[in-house]
């Protein structure tokens, strides 16, 4: 446990987490700007959200993302609707691209249904 605290407290590690979470927010916002069922959400700490047009779209997005290997934290069933991402602290830029591409594919699938 002390080693985990040591690593998690390292300024370099924390700086990387902040930078990668910022990249994730930018990437997800870009997907939202190209989608007719999503709007950009918020980012707070390691939590990043996107806003689906309604609760049903949020549930369907969550399922479509899961089919692609991306597990979301949760889906808000009451307004404001949100699909919440809480990625691991070790997420890297390749992971950001994977999540953004999965969201793009999921949004496209949900929009067609």
PDB file of N, CA and C in Angstrom:
ATOM      1  N   UNK A   1       0.828  -1.190   0.000  1.00  0.00           N
ATOM      2  CA  UNK A   1       0.000   0.000   0.000  1.00  0.00           C
ATOM      3  C   UNK A   1       0.876   1.258   0.000  1.00  0.00           C
ATOM      4  N   UNK A   2       1.991   1.230   0.712  1.00  0.00           N
ATOM      5  CA  UNK A   2       2.837   2.418   0.764  1.00  0.00           C
ATOM      6  C   UNK A   2       3.467   2.696  -0.599  1.00  0.00           C
ATOM      7  N   UNK A   3       3.769   1.637  -1.359  1.00  0.00           N
ATOM      8  CA  UNK A   3       4.335   1.822  -2.699  1.00  0.00           C
ATOM      9  C   UNK A   3       3.310   2.473  -3.634  1.00  0.00           C
ATOM     10  N   UNK A   4       2.058   2.062  -3.530  1.00  0.00           N
ATOM     11  CA  UNK A   4       0.994   2.653  -4.344  1.00  0.00           C
ATOM     12  C   UNK A   4       0.879   4.143  -4.032  1.00  0.00           C
ATOM     13  N   UNK A   5       0.891   4.486  -2.753  1.00  0.00           N
ATOM     14  CA  UNK A   5       0.824   5.901  -2.363  1.00  0.00           C
ATOM     15  C   UNK A   5       2.040   6.670  -2.853  1.00  0.00           C
ATOM     16  N   UNK A   6       3.181   6.043  -2.818  1.00  0.00           N
ATOM     17  CA  UNK A   6       4.406   6.694  -3.287  1.00  0.00           C
ATOM     18  C   UNK A   6       4.301   7.003  -4.783  1.00  0.00           C
ATOM     19  N   UNK A   7       3.885   6.024  -5.568  1.00  0.00           N
ATOM     20  CA  UNK A   7       3.759   6.221  -7.014  1.00  0.00           C
ATOM     21  C   UNK A   7       2.661   7.241  -7.327  1.00  0.00           C
ATOM     22  N   UNK A   8       1.521   7.100  -6.671  1.00  0.00           N
ATOM     23  CA  UNK A   8       0.391   7.989  -6.935  1.00  0.00           C
ATOM     24  C   UNK A   8       0.661   9.424  -6.503  1.00  0.00           C
ATOM     25  N   UNK A   9       1.620   9.626  -5.628  1.00  0.00           N
ATOM     26  CA  UNK A   9       1.965  10.970  -5.151  1.00  0.00           C
ATOM     27  C   UNK A   9       3.089  11.611  -5.955  1.00  0.00           C
ATOM     28  N   UNK A  10       3.704  10.863  -6.831  1.00  0.00           N
ATOM     29  CA  UNK A  10       4.822  11.386  -7.606  1.00  0.00           C
ATOM     30  C   UNK A  10       4.348  12.505  -8.531  1.00  0.00           C
ATOM     31  N   UNK A  11       4.961  13.685  -8.477  1.00  0.00           N
ATOM     32  CA  UNK A  11       4.532  14.805  -9.319  1.00  0.00           C
ATOM     33  C   UNK A  11       4.553  14.484 -10.817  1.00  0.00           C
ATOM     34  N   UNK A  12       5.501  13.695 -11.266  1.00  0.00           N
ATOM     35  CA  UNK A  12       5.558  13.318 -12.679  1.00  0.00           C
ATOM     36  C   UNK A  12       4.366  12.472 -13.081  1.00  0.00           C
ATOM     37  N   UNK A  13       3.998  11.540 -12.230  1.00  0.00           N
ATOM     38  CA  UNK A  13       2.844  10.687 -12.487  1.00  0.00           C
ATOM     39  C   UNK A  13       1.569  11.523 -12.528  1.00  0.00           C
ATOM     40  N   UNK A  14       1.418  12.405 -11.544  1.00  0.00           N
ATOM     41  CA  UNK A  14       0.224  13.245 -11.477  1.00  0.00           C
ATOM     42  C   UNK A  14       0.133  14.185 -12.670  1.00  0.00           C
ATOM     43  N   UNK A  15       1.268  14.702 -13.105  1.00  0.00           N
ATOM     44  CA  UNK A  15       1.300  15.571 -14.274  1.00  0.00           C
ATOM     45  C   UNK A  15       0.859  14.809 -15.523  1.00  0.00           C
ATOM     46  N   UNK A  16       1.333  13.577 -15.659  1.00  0.00           N
ATOM     47  CA  UNK A  16       0.941  12.753 -16.801  1.00  0.00           C
ATOM     48  C   UNK A  16      -0.553  12.453 -16.769  1.00  0.00           C
ATOM     49  N   UNK A  17      -1.080  12.134 -15.599  1.00  0.00           N
ATOM     50  CA  UNK A  17      -2.516  11.863 -15.473  1.00  0.00           C
ATOM     51  C   UNK A  17      -3.304  13.091 -15.920  1.00  0.00           C
ATOM     52  N   UNK A  18      -2.907  14.255 -15.467  1.00  0.00           N
ATOM     53  CA  UNK A  18      -3.602  15.490 -15.828  1.00  0.00           C
ATOM     54  C   UNK A  18      -3.550  15.726 -17.341  1.00  0.00           C
ATOM     55  N   UNK A  19      -2.397  15.504 -17.930  1.00  0.00           N
ATOM     56  CA  UNK A  19      -2.229  15.720 -19.367  1.00  0.00           C
ATOM     57  C   UNK A  19      -3.066  14.735 -20.169  1.00  0.00           C
ATOM     58  N   UNK A  20      -3.060  13.469 -19.792  1.00  0.00           N
ATOM     59  CA  UNK A  20      -3.817  12.453 -20.524  1.00  0.00           C
ATOM     60  C   UNK A  20      -5.326  12.680 -20.361  1.00  0.00           C
ATOM     61  N   UNK A  21      -5.774  13.060 -19.177  1.00  0.00           N
ATOM     62  CA  UNK A  21      -7.201  13.330 -18.982  1.00  0.00           C
ATOM     63  C   UNK A  21      -7.631  14.534 -19.824  1.00  0.00           C
ATOM     64  N   UNK A  22      -6.761  15.522 -19.963  1.00  0.00           N
ATOM     65  CA  UNK A  22      -7.047  16.659 -20.838  1.00  0.00           C
ATOM     66  C   UNK A  22      -7.163  16.215 -22.283  1.00  0.00           C
ATOM     67  N   UNK A  23      -6.274  15.318 -22.705  1.00  0.00           N
ATOM     68  CA  UNK A  23      -6.337  14.777 -24.064  1.00  0.00           C
ATOM     69  C   UNK A  23      -7.623  13.989 -24.283  1.00  0.00           C
ATOM     70  N   UNK A  24      -8.044  13.245 -23.270  1.00  0.00           N
ATOM     71  CA  UNK A  24      -9.283  12.473 -23.383  1.00  0.00           C
ATOM     72  C   UNK A  24     -10.476  13.410 -23.549  1.00  0.00           C
ATOM     73  N   UNK A  25     -10.518  14.470 -22.777  1.00  0.00           N
ATOM     74  CA  UNK A  25     -11.621  15.444 -22.879  1.00  0.00           C
ATOM     75  C   UNK A  25     -11.659  16.040 -24.287  1.00  0.00           C
ATOM     76  N   UNK A  26     -10.514  16.462 -24.803  1.00  0.00           N
ATOM     77  CA  UNK A  26     -10.449  17.037 -26.148  1.00  0.00           C
ATOM     78  C   UNK A  26     -10.915  16.022 -27.196  1.00  0.00           C
ATOM     79  N   UNK A  27     -10.454  14.791 -27.085  1.00  0.00           N
ATOM     80  CA  UNK A  27     -10.805  13.751 -28.054  1.00  0.00           C
ATOM     81  C   UNK A  27     -12.303  13.437 -28.016  1.00  0.00           C
ATOM     82  N   UNK A  28     -12.872  13.339 -26.806  1.00  0.00           N
ATOM     83  CA  UNK A  28     -14.301  13.042 -26.700  1.00  0.00           C
ATOM     84  C   UNK A  28     -15.137  14.221 -27.171  1.00  0.00           C
ATOM     85  N   UNK A  29     -14.702  15.441 -26.885  1.00  0.00           N
ATOM     86  CA  UNK A  29     -15.411  16.628 -27.376  1.00  0.00           C
ATOM     87  C   UNK A  29     -15.426  16.656 -28.901  1.00  0.00           C
ATOM     88  N   UNK A  30     -14.332  16.243 -29.526  1.00  0.00           N
ATOM     89  CA  UNK A  30     -14.265  16.205 -30.990  1.00  0.00           C
ATOM     90  C   UNK A  30     -15.286  15.212 -31.535  1.00  0.00           C
ATOM     91  N   UNK A  31     -15.379  14.039 -30.920  1.00  0.00           N
ATOM     92  CA  UNK A  31     -16.377  13.059 -31.341  1.00  0.00           C
ATOM     93  C   UNK A  31     -17.777  13.649 -31.192  1.00  0.00           C
ATOM     94  N   UNK A  32     -18.027  14.332 -30.080  1.00  0.00           N
ATOM     95  CA  UNK A  32     -19.345  14.942 -29.844  1.00  0.00           C
ATOM     96  C   UNK A  32     -19.676  15.972 -30.911  1.00  0.00           C
ATOM     97  N   UNK A  33     -18.681  16.755 -31.318  1.00  0.00           N
ATOM     98  CA  UNK A  33     -18.926  17.800 -32.312  1.00  0.00           C
ATOM     99  C   UNK A  33     -19.284  17.217 -33.683  1.00  0.00           C
ATOM    100  N   UNK A  34     -18.943  15.957 -33.907  1.00  0.00           N
ATOM    101  CA  UNK A  34     -19.233  15.289 -35.176  1.00  0.00           C
ATOM    102  C   UNK A  34     -20.467  14.389 -35.098  1.00  0.00           C
ATOM    103  N   UNK A  35     -21.130  14.386 -33.960  1.00  0.00           N
ATOM    104  CA  UNK A  35     -22.258  13.488 -33.730  1.00  0.00           C
ATOM    105  C   UNK A  35     -23.558  14.281 -33.616  1.00  0.00           C
ATOM    106  N   UNK A  36     -24.651  13.665 -34.083  1.00  0.00           N
ATOM    107  CA  UNK A  36     -25.948  14.318 -33.916  1.00  0.00           C
ATOM    108  C   UNK A  36     -26.693  13.824 -32.676  1.00  0.00           C
ATOM    109  N   UNK A  37     -26.064  12.957 -31.900  1.00  0.00           N
ATOM    110  CA  UNK A  37     -26.726  12.473 -30.673  1.00  0.00           C
ATOM    111  C   UNK A  37     -25.943  12.805 -29.412  1.00  0.00           C
ATOM    112  N   UNK A  38     -24.782  13.453 -29.542  1.00  0.00           N
ATOM    113  CA  UNK A  38     -23.928  13.749 -28.392  1.00  0.00           C
ATOM    114  C   UNK A  38     -23.580  15.229 -28.320  1.00  0.00           C
ATOM    115  N   UNK A  39     -23.396  15.697 -27.096  1.00  0.00           N
ATOM    116  CA  UNK A  39     -22.857  17.030 -26.839  1.00  0.00           C
ATOM    117  C   UNK A  39     -21.690  16.867 -25.874  1.00  0.00           C
ATOM    118  N   UNK A  40     -20.752  17.815 -25.901  1.00  0.00           N
ATOM    119  CA  UNK A  40     -19.645  17.741 -24.946  1.00  0.00           C
ATOM    120  C   UNK A  40     -20.159  17.807 -23.512  1.00  0.00           C
ATOM    121  N   UNK A  41     -19.469  17.105 -22.650  1.00  0.00           N
ATOM    122  CA  UNK A  41     -19.819  17.102 -21.235  1.00  0.00           C
ATOM    123  C   UNK A  41     -18.806  17.881 -20.433  1.00  0.00           C
ATOM    124  N   UNK A  42     -18.491  17.361 -19.277  1.00  0.00           N
ATOM    125  CA  UNK A  42     -17.573  18.029 -18.357  1.00  0.00           C
ATOM    126  C   UNK A  42     -16.398  17.109 -18.039  1.00  0.00           C
ATOM    127  N   UNK A  43     -15.420  17.694 -17.394  1.00  0.00           N
ATOM    128  CA  UNK A  43     -14.288  16.922 -16.887  1.00  0.00           C
ATOM    129  C   UNK A  43     -13.996  17.430 -15.485  1.00  0.00           C
ATOM    130  N   UNK A  44     -13.805  16.516 -14.572  1.00  0.00           N
ATOM    131  CA  UNK A  44     -13.473  16.861 -13.198  1.00  0.00           C
ATOM    132  C   UNK A  44     -12.585  15.760 -12.656  1.00  0.00           C
ATOM    133  N   UNK A  45     -11.361  16.124 -12.337  1.00  0.00           N
ATOM    134  CA  UNK A  45     -10.421  15.104 -11.894  1.00  0.00           C
ATOM    135  C   UNK A  45     -10.224  14.106 -13.009  1.00  0.00           C
ATOM    136  N   UNK A  46     -10.445  12.845 -12.745  1.00  0.00           N
ATOM    137  CA  UNK A  46     -10.292  11.815 -13.755  1.00  0.00           C
ATOM    138  C   UNK A  46     -11.586  11.433 -14.439  1.00  0.00           C
ATOM    139  N   UNK A  47     -12.694  12.099 -14.084  1.00  0.00           N
ATOM    140  CA  UNK A  47     -13.994  11.780 -14.650  1.00  0.00           C
ATOM    141  C   UNK A  47     -14.270  12.683 -15.843  1.00  0.00           C
ATOM    142  N   UNK A  48     -14.605  12.082 -16.985  1.00  0.00           N
ATOM    143  CA  UNK A  48     -14.934  12.831 -18.196  1.00  0.00           C
ATOM    144  C   UNK A  48     -16.297  12.346 -18.661  1.00  0.00           C
ATOM    145  N   UNK A  49     -17.171  13.283 -19.038  1.00  0.00           N
ATOM    146  CA  UNK A  49     -18.516  12.906 -19.462  1.00  0.00           C
ATOM    147  C   UNK A  49     -18.820  13.393 -20.871  1.00  0.00           C
ATOM    148  N   UNK A  50     -19.774  12.706 -21.496  1.00  0.00           N
ATOM    149  CA  UNK A  50     -20.402  13.180 -22.719  1.00  0.00           C
ATOM    150  C   UNK A  50     -21.899  13.182 -22.463  1.00  0.00           C
ATOM    151  N   UNK A  51     -22.627  14.032 -23.186  1.00  0.00           N
ATOM    152  CA  UNK A  51     -24.062  14.199 -22.958  1.00  0.00           C
ATOM    153  C   UNK A  51     -24.841  13.619 -24.139  1.00  0.00           C
ATOM    154  N   UNK A  52     -25.546  12.509 -23.912  1.00  0.00           N
ATOM    155  CA  UNK A  52     -26.382  11.955 -24.977  1.00  0.00           C
ATOM    156  C   UNK A  52     -27.689  12.742 -25.087  1.00  0.00           C
ATOM    157  N   UNK A  53     -28.389  12.583 -26.200  1.00  0.00           N
ATOM    158  CA  UNK A  53     -29.626  13.354 -26.407  1.00  0.00           C
ATOM    159  C   UNK A  53     -30.713  12.986 -25.406  1.00  0.00           C
ATOM    160  N   UNK A  54     -30.691  11.746 -24.900  1.00  0.00           N
ATOM    161  CA  UNK A  54     -31.679  11.314 -23.911  1.00  0.00           C
ATOM    162  C   UNK A  54     -31.146  10.088 -23.165  1.00  0.00           C
ATOM    163  N   UNK A  55     -31.890   9.638 -22.167  1.00  0.00           N
ATOM    164  CA  UNK A  55     -31.444   8.515 -21.338  1.00  0.00           C
ATOM    165  C   UNK A  55     -31.316   7.228 -22.162  1.00  0.00           C
ATOM    166  N   UNK A  56     -32.234   7.011 -23.085  1.00  0.00           N
ATOM    167  CA  UNK A  56     -32.164   5.796 -23.906  1.00  0.00           C
ATOM    168  C   UNK A  56     -30.890   5.781 -24.750  1.00  0.00           C
ATOM    169  N   UNK A  57     -30.544   6.910 -25.334  1.00  0.00           N
ATOM    170  CA  UNK A  57     -29.303   6.985 -26.115  1.00  0.00           C
ATOM    171  C   UNK A  57     -28.104   6.717 -25.215  1.00  0.00           C
ATOM    172  N   UNK A  58     -28.142   7.200 -23.986  1.00  0.00           N
ATOM    173  CA  UNK A  58     -27.051   6.944 -23.044  1.00  0.00           C
ATOM    174  C   UNK A  58     -26.901   5.466 -22.740  1.00  0.00           C
ATOM    175  N   UNK A  59     -28.009   4.803 -22.497  1.00  0.00           N
ATOM    176  CA  UNK A  59     -27.966   3.354 -22.231  1.00  0.00           C
ATOM    177  C   UNK A  59     -27.435   2.600 -23.449  1.00  0.00           C
ATOM    178  N   UNK A  60     -27.921   2.972 -24.622  1.00  0.00           N
ATOM    179  CA  UNK A  60     -27.477   2.296 -25.847  1.00  0.00           C
ATOM    180  C   UNK A  60     -26.003   2.562 -26.138  1.00  0.00           C
ATOM    181  N   UNK A  61     -25.542   3.776 -25.866  1.00  0.00           N
ATOM    182  CA  UNK A  61     -24.115   4.086 -26.017  1.00  0.00           C
ATOM    183  C   UNK A  61     -23.276   3.214 -25.092  1.00  0.00           C
ATOM    184  N   UNK A  62     -23.719   3.083 -23.857  1.00  0.00           N
ATOM    185  CA  UNK A  62     -22.988   2.274 -22.882  1.00  0.00           C
ATOM    186  C   UNK A  62     -22.855   0.835 -23.380  1.00  0.00           C
ATOM    187  N   UNK A  63     -23.951   0.278 -23.904  1.00  0.00           N
ATOM    188  CA  UNK A  63     -23.917  -1.094 -24.426  1.00  0.00           C
ATOM    189  C   UNK A  63     -22.989  -1.201 -25.638  1.00  0.00           C
ATOM    190  N   UNK A  64     -23.104  -0.238 -26.554  1.00  0.00           N
ATOM    191  CA  UNK A  64     -22.278  -0.270 -27.771  1.00  0.00           C
ATOM    192  C   UNK A  64     -20.801  -0.098 -27.435  1.00  0.00           C
ATOM    193  N   UNK A  65     -20.484   0.717 -26.442  1.00  0.00           N
ATOM    194  CA  UNK A  65     -19.095   0.870 -26.009  1.00  0.00           C
ATOM    195  C   UNK A  65     -18.585  -0.427 -25.382  1.00  0.00           C
ATOM    196  N   UNK A  66     -19.418  -1.067 -24.565  1.00  0.00           N
ATOM    197  CA  UNK A  66     -19.029  -2.324 -23.925  1.00  0.00           C
ATOM    198  C   UNK A  66     -18.716  -3.386 -24.970  1.00  0.00           C
ATOM    199  N   UNK A  67     -19.512  -3.419 -26.043  1.00  0.00           N
ATOM    200  CA  UNK A  67     -19.271  -4.384 -27.122  1.00  0.00           C
ATOM    201  C   UNK A  67     -17.898  -4.181 -27.769  1.00  0.00           C
ATOM    202  N   UNK A  68     -17.353  -2.962 -27.645  1.00  0.00           N
ATOM    203  CA  UNK A  68     -16.044  -2.652 -28.212  1.00  0.00           C
ATOM    204  C   UNK A  68     -14.936  -2.712 -27.161  1.00  0.00           C
ATOM    205  N   UNK A  69     -15.274  -3.155 -25.960  1.00  0.00           N
ATOM    206  CA  UNK A  69     -14.269  -3.316 -24.922  1.00  0.00           C
ATOM    207  C   UNK A  69     -14.046  -2.102 -24.042  1.00  0.00           C
ATOM    208  N   UNK A  70     -14.945  -1.111 -24.133  1.00  0.00           N
ATOM    209  CA  UNK A  70     -14.819   0.091 -23.290  1.00  0.00           C
ATOM    210  C   UNK A  70     -15.935   0.066 -22.254  1.00  0.00           C
ATOM    211  N   UNK A  71     -15.560   0.036 -21.001  1.00  0.00           N
ATOM    212  CA  UNK A  71     -16.506   0.015 -19.896  1.00  0.00           C
ATOM    213  C   UNK A  71     -16.641   1.427 -19.338  1.00  0.00           C
ATOM    214  N   UNK A  72     -17.845   1.980 -19.382  1.00  0.00           N
ATOM    215  CA  UNK A  72     -18.058   3.315 -18.815  1.00  0.00           C
ATOM    216  C   UNK A  72     -18.327   3.188 -17.326  1.00  0.00           C
ATOM    217  N   UNK A  73     -18.103   4.282 -16.613  1.00  0.00           N
ATOM    218  CA  UNK A  73     -18.349   4.284 -15.162  1.00  0.00           C
ATOM    219  C   UNK A  73     -19.833   4.132 -14.880  1.00  0.00           C
ATOM    220  N   UNK A  74     -20.654   4.965 -15.537  1.00  0.00           N
ATOM    221  CA  UNK A  74     -22.092   4.926 -15.310  1.00  0.00           C
ATOM    222  C   UNK A  74     -22.799   5.776 -16.357  1.00  0.00           C
ATOM    223  N   UNK A  75     -24.128   5.653 -16.364  1.00  0.00           N
ATOM    224  CA  UNK A  75     -24.973   6.450 -17.242  1.00  0.00           C
ATOM    225  C   UNK A  75     -26.013   7.131 -16.365  1.00  0.00           C
ATOM    226  N   UNK A  76     -26.107   8.450 -16.491  1.00  0.00           N
ATOM    227  CA  UNK A  76     -27.098   9.194 -15.728  1.00  0.00           C
ATOM    228  C   UNK A  76     -28.458   9.034 -16.385  1.00  0.00           C
ATOM    229  N   UNK A  77     -29.428   8.579 -15.622  1.00  0.00           N
ATOM    230  CA  UNK A  77     -30.777   8.331 -16.126  1.00  0.00           C
ATOM    231  C   UNK A  77     -31.699   9.542 -15.952  1.00  0.00           C
ATOM    232  N   UNK A  78     -31.225  10.560 -15.273  1.00  0.00           N
ATOM    233  CA  UNK A  78     -32.028  11.764 -15.072  1.00  0.00           C
ATOM    234  C   UNK A  78     -31.274  12.960 -15.640  1.00  0.00           C
ATOM    235  N   UNK A  79     -32.005  13.976 -16.091  1.00  0.00           N
ATOM    236  CA  UNK A  79     -31.318  15.157 -16.637  1.00  0.00           C
ATOM    237  C   UNK A  79     -30.430  15.814 -15.586  1.00  0.00           C
ATOM    238  N   UNK A  80     -29.283  16.292 -15.925  1.00  0.00           N
ATOM    239  CA  UNK A  80     -28.690  16.215 -17.256  1.00  0.00           C
ATOM    240  C   UNK A  80     -28.146  14.809 -17.509  1.00  0.00           C
ATOM    241  N   UNK A  81     -28.531  14.239 -18.640  1.00  0.00           N
ATOM    242  CA  UNK A  81     -28.075  12.906 -19.015  1.00  0.00           C
ATOM    243  C   UNK A  81     -26.570  12.941 -19.247  1.00  0.00           C
ATOM    244  N   UNK A  82     -25.908  11.858 -18.912  1.00  0.00           N
ATOM    245  CA  UNK A  82     -24.457  11.807 -19.111  1.00  0.00           C
ATOM    246  C   UNK A  82     -23.991  10.365 -19.172  1.00  0.00           C
ATOM    247  N   UNK A  83     -22.998  10.147 -20.015  1.00  0.00           N
ATOM    248  CA  UNK A  83     -22.253   8.894 -20.019  1.00  0.00           C
ATOM    249  C   UNK A  83     -20.912   9.252 -19.401  1.00  0.00           C
ATOM    250  N   UNK A  84     -20.564   8.575 -18.313  1.00  0.00           N
ATOM    251  CA  UNK A  84     -19.400   8.953 -17.518  1.00  0.00           C
ATOM    252  C   UNK A  84     -18.245   7.970 -17.722  1.00  0.00           C
ATOM    253  N   UNK A  85     -17.098   8.531 -18.051  1.00  0.00           N
ATOM    254  CA  UNK A  85     -15.886   7.752 -18.231  1.00  0.00           C
ATOM    255  C   UNK A  85     -14.959   8.023 -17.047  1.00  0.00           C
ATOM    256  N   UNK A  86     -14.466   6.979 -16.424  1.00  0.00           N
ATOM    257  CA  UNK A  86     -13.486   7.102 -15.353  1.00  0.00           C
ATOM    258  C   UNK A  86     -12.349   6.135 -15.685  1.00  0.00           C
ATOM    259  N   UNK A  87     -11.482   6.568 -16.613  1.00  0.00           N
ATOM    260  CA  UNK A  87     -10.435   5.658 -17.085  1.00  0.00           C
ATOM    261  C   UNK A  87      -9.367   5.407 -16.021  1.00  0.00           C
ATOM    262  N   UNK A  88      -8.605   4.350 -16.207  1.00  0.00           N
ATOM    263  CA  UNK A  88      -7.524   4.064 -15.247  1.00  0.00           C
ATOM    264  C   UNK A  88      -6.476   5.173 -15.283  1.00  0.00           C
ATOM    265  N   UNK A  89      -5.828   5.368 -14.172  1.00  0.00           N
ATOM    266  CA  UNK A  89      -4.805   6.417 -14.068  1.00  0.00           C
ATOM    267  C   UNK A  89      -3.611   6.150 -14.966  1.00  0.00           C
ATOM    268  N   UNK A  90      -3.467   4.935 -15.437  1.00  0.00           N
ATOM    269  CA  UNK A  90      -2.346   4.589 -16.311  1.00  0.00           C
ATOM    270  C   UNK A  90      -2.711   4.699 -17.795  1.00  0.00           C
ATOM    271  N   UNK A  91      -3.854   5.311 -18.091  1.00  0.00           N
ATOM    272  CA  UNK A  91      -4.249   5.520 -19.480  1.00  0.00           C
ATOM    273  C   UNK A  91      -3.166   6.322 -20.199  1.00  0.00           C
ATOM    274  N   UNK A  92      -2.891   5.929 -21.442  1.00  0.00           N
ATOM    275  CA  UNK A  92      -1.910   6.668 -22.241  1.00  0.00           C
ATOM    276  C   UNK A  92      -2.599   7.193 -23.495  1.00  0.00           C
ATOM    277  N   UNK A  93      -1.831   7.862 -24.357  1.00  0.00           N
ATOM    278  CA  UNK A  93      -2.409   8.471 -25.555  1.00  0.00           C
ATOM    279  C   UNK A  93      -3.014   7.415 -26.493  1.00  0.00           C
ATOM    280  N   UNK A  94      -2.432   6.237 -26.555  1.00  0.00           N
ATOM    281  CA  UNK A  94      -3.011   5.162 -27.372  1.00  0.00           C
ATOM    282  C   UNK A  94      -4.385   4.769 -26.832  1.00  0.00           C
ATOM    283  N   UNK A  95      -4.507   4.727 -25.518  1.00  0.00           N
ATOM    284  CA  UNK A  95      -5.789   4.426 -24.892  1.00  0.00           C
ATOM    285  C   UNK A  95      -6.816   5.513 -25.154  1.00  0.00           C
ATOM    286  N   UNK A  96      -6.376   6.763 -25.152  1.00  0.00           N
ATOM    287  CA  UNK A  96      -7.269   7.884 -25.466  1.00  0.00           C
ATOM    288  C   UNK A  96      -7.839   7.703 -26.867  1.00  0.00           C
ATOM    289  N   UNK A  97      -6.985   7.371 -27.821  1.00  0.00           N
ATOM    290  CA  UNK A  97      -7.438   7.168 -29.202  1.00  0.00           C
ATOM    291  C   UNK A  97      -8.417   6.002 -29.286  1.00  0.00           C
ATOM    292  N   UNK A  98      -8.142   4.933 -28.563  1.00  0.00           N
ATOM    293  CA  UNK A  98      -9.021   3.768 -28.552  1.00  0.00           C
ATOM    294  C   UNK A  98     -10.406   4.137 -28.024  1.00  0.00           C
ATOM    295  N   UNK A  99     -10.456   4.863 -26.910  1.00  0.00           N
ATOM    296  CA  UNK A  99     -11.744   5.250 -26.309  1.00  0.00           C
ATOM    297  C   UNK A  99     -12.498   6.189 -27.249  1.00  0.00           C
ATOM    298  N   UNK A 100     -11.804   7.166 -27.832  1.00  0.00           N
ATOM    299  CA  UNK A 100     -12.458   8.113 -28.744  1.00  0.00           C
ATOM    300  C   UNK A 100     -13.012   7.395 -29.976  1.00  0.00           C
ATOM    301  N   UNK A 101     -12.254   6.474 -30.532  1.00  0.00           N
ATOM    302  CA  UNK A 101     -12.717   5.727 -31.705  1.00  0.00           C
ATOM    303  C   UNK A 101     -13.912   4.850 -31.347  1.00  0.00           C
ATOM    304  N   UNK A 102     -13.873   4.238 -30.178  1.00  0.00           N
ATOM    305  CA  UNK A 102     -15.003   3.418 -29.727  1.00  0.00           C
ATOM    306  C   UNK A 102     -16.247   4.281 -29.546  1.00  0.00           C
ATOM    307  N   UNK A 103     -16.093   5.483 -28.982  1.00  0.00           N
ATOM    308  CA  UNK A 103     -17.240   6.381 -28.817  1.00  0.00           C
ATOM    309  C   UNK A 103     -17.790   6.796 -30.175  1.00  0.00           C
ATOM    310  N   UNK A 104     -16.925   7.098 -31.108  1.00  0.00           N
ATOM    311  CA  UNK A 104     -17.364   7.476 -32.457  1.00  0.00           C
ATOM    312  C   UNK A 104     -18.179   6.342 -33.087  1.00  0.00           C
ATOM    313  N   UNK A 105     -17.667   5.126 -33.001  1.00  0.00           N
ATOM    314  CA  UNK A 105     -18.369   3.971 -33.553  1.00  0.00           C
ATOM    315  C   UNK A 105     -19.698   3.722 -32.844  1.00  0.00           C
ATOM    316  N   UNK A 106     -19.687   3.839 -31.516  1.00  0.00           N
ATOM    317  CA  UNK A 106     -20.906   3.623 -30.731  1.00  0.00           C
ATOM    318  C   UNK A 106     -21.956   4.675 -31.063  1.00  0.00           C
ATOM    319  N   UNK A 107     -21.545   5.925 -31.166  1.00  0.00           N
ATOM    320  CA  UNK A 107     -22.498   7.000 -31.484  1.00  0.00           C
ATOM    321  C   UNK A 107     -23.099   6.797 -32.862  1.00  0.00           C
ATOM    322  N   UNK A 108     -22.272   6.373 -33.791  1.00  0.00           N
ATOM    323  CA  UNK A 108     -22.765   6.102 -35.147  1.00  0.00           C
ATOM    324  C   UNK A 108     -23.787   4.974 -35.134  1.00  0.00           C
ATOM    325  N   UNK A 109     -23.494   3.918 -34.401  1.00  0.00           N
ATOM    326  CA  UNK A 109     -24.410   2.778 -34.300  1.00  0.00           C
ATOM    327  C   UNK A 109     -25.742   3.187 -33.658  1.00  0.00           C
ATOM    328  N   UNK A 110     -25.656   3.952 -32.564  1.00  0.00           N
ATOM    329  CA  UNK A 110     -26.871   4.380 -31.853  1.00  0.00           C
ATOM    330  C   UNK A 110     -27.687   5.334 -32.728  1.00  0.00           C
ATOM    331  N   UNK A 111     -27.033   6.211 -33.449  1.00  0.00           N
ATOM    332  CA  UNK A 111     -27.736   7.163 -34.313  1.00  0.00           C
ATOM    333  C   UNK A 111     -28.508   6.444 -35.420  1.00  0.00           C
ATOM    334  N   UNK A 112     -27.987   5.326 -35.894  1.00  0.00           N
ATOM    335  CA  UNK A 112     -28.640   4.566 -36.959  1.00  0.00           C
ATOM    336  C   UNK A 112     -29.829   3.754 -36.449  1.00  0.00           C
ATOM    337  N   UNK A 113     -29.866   3.486 -35.157  1.00  0.00           N
ATOM    338  CA  UNK A 113     -30.940   2.621 -34.627  1.00  0.00           C
ATOM    339  C   UNK A 113     -32.202   3.393 -34.291  1.00  0.00           C
TER     340      UNK A 113
END
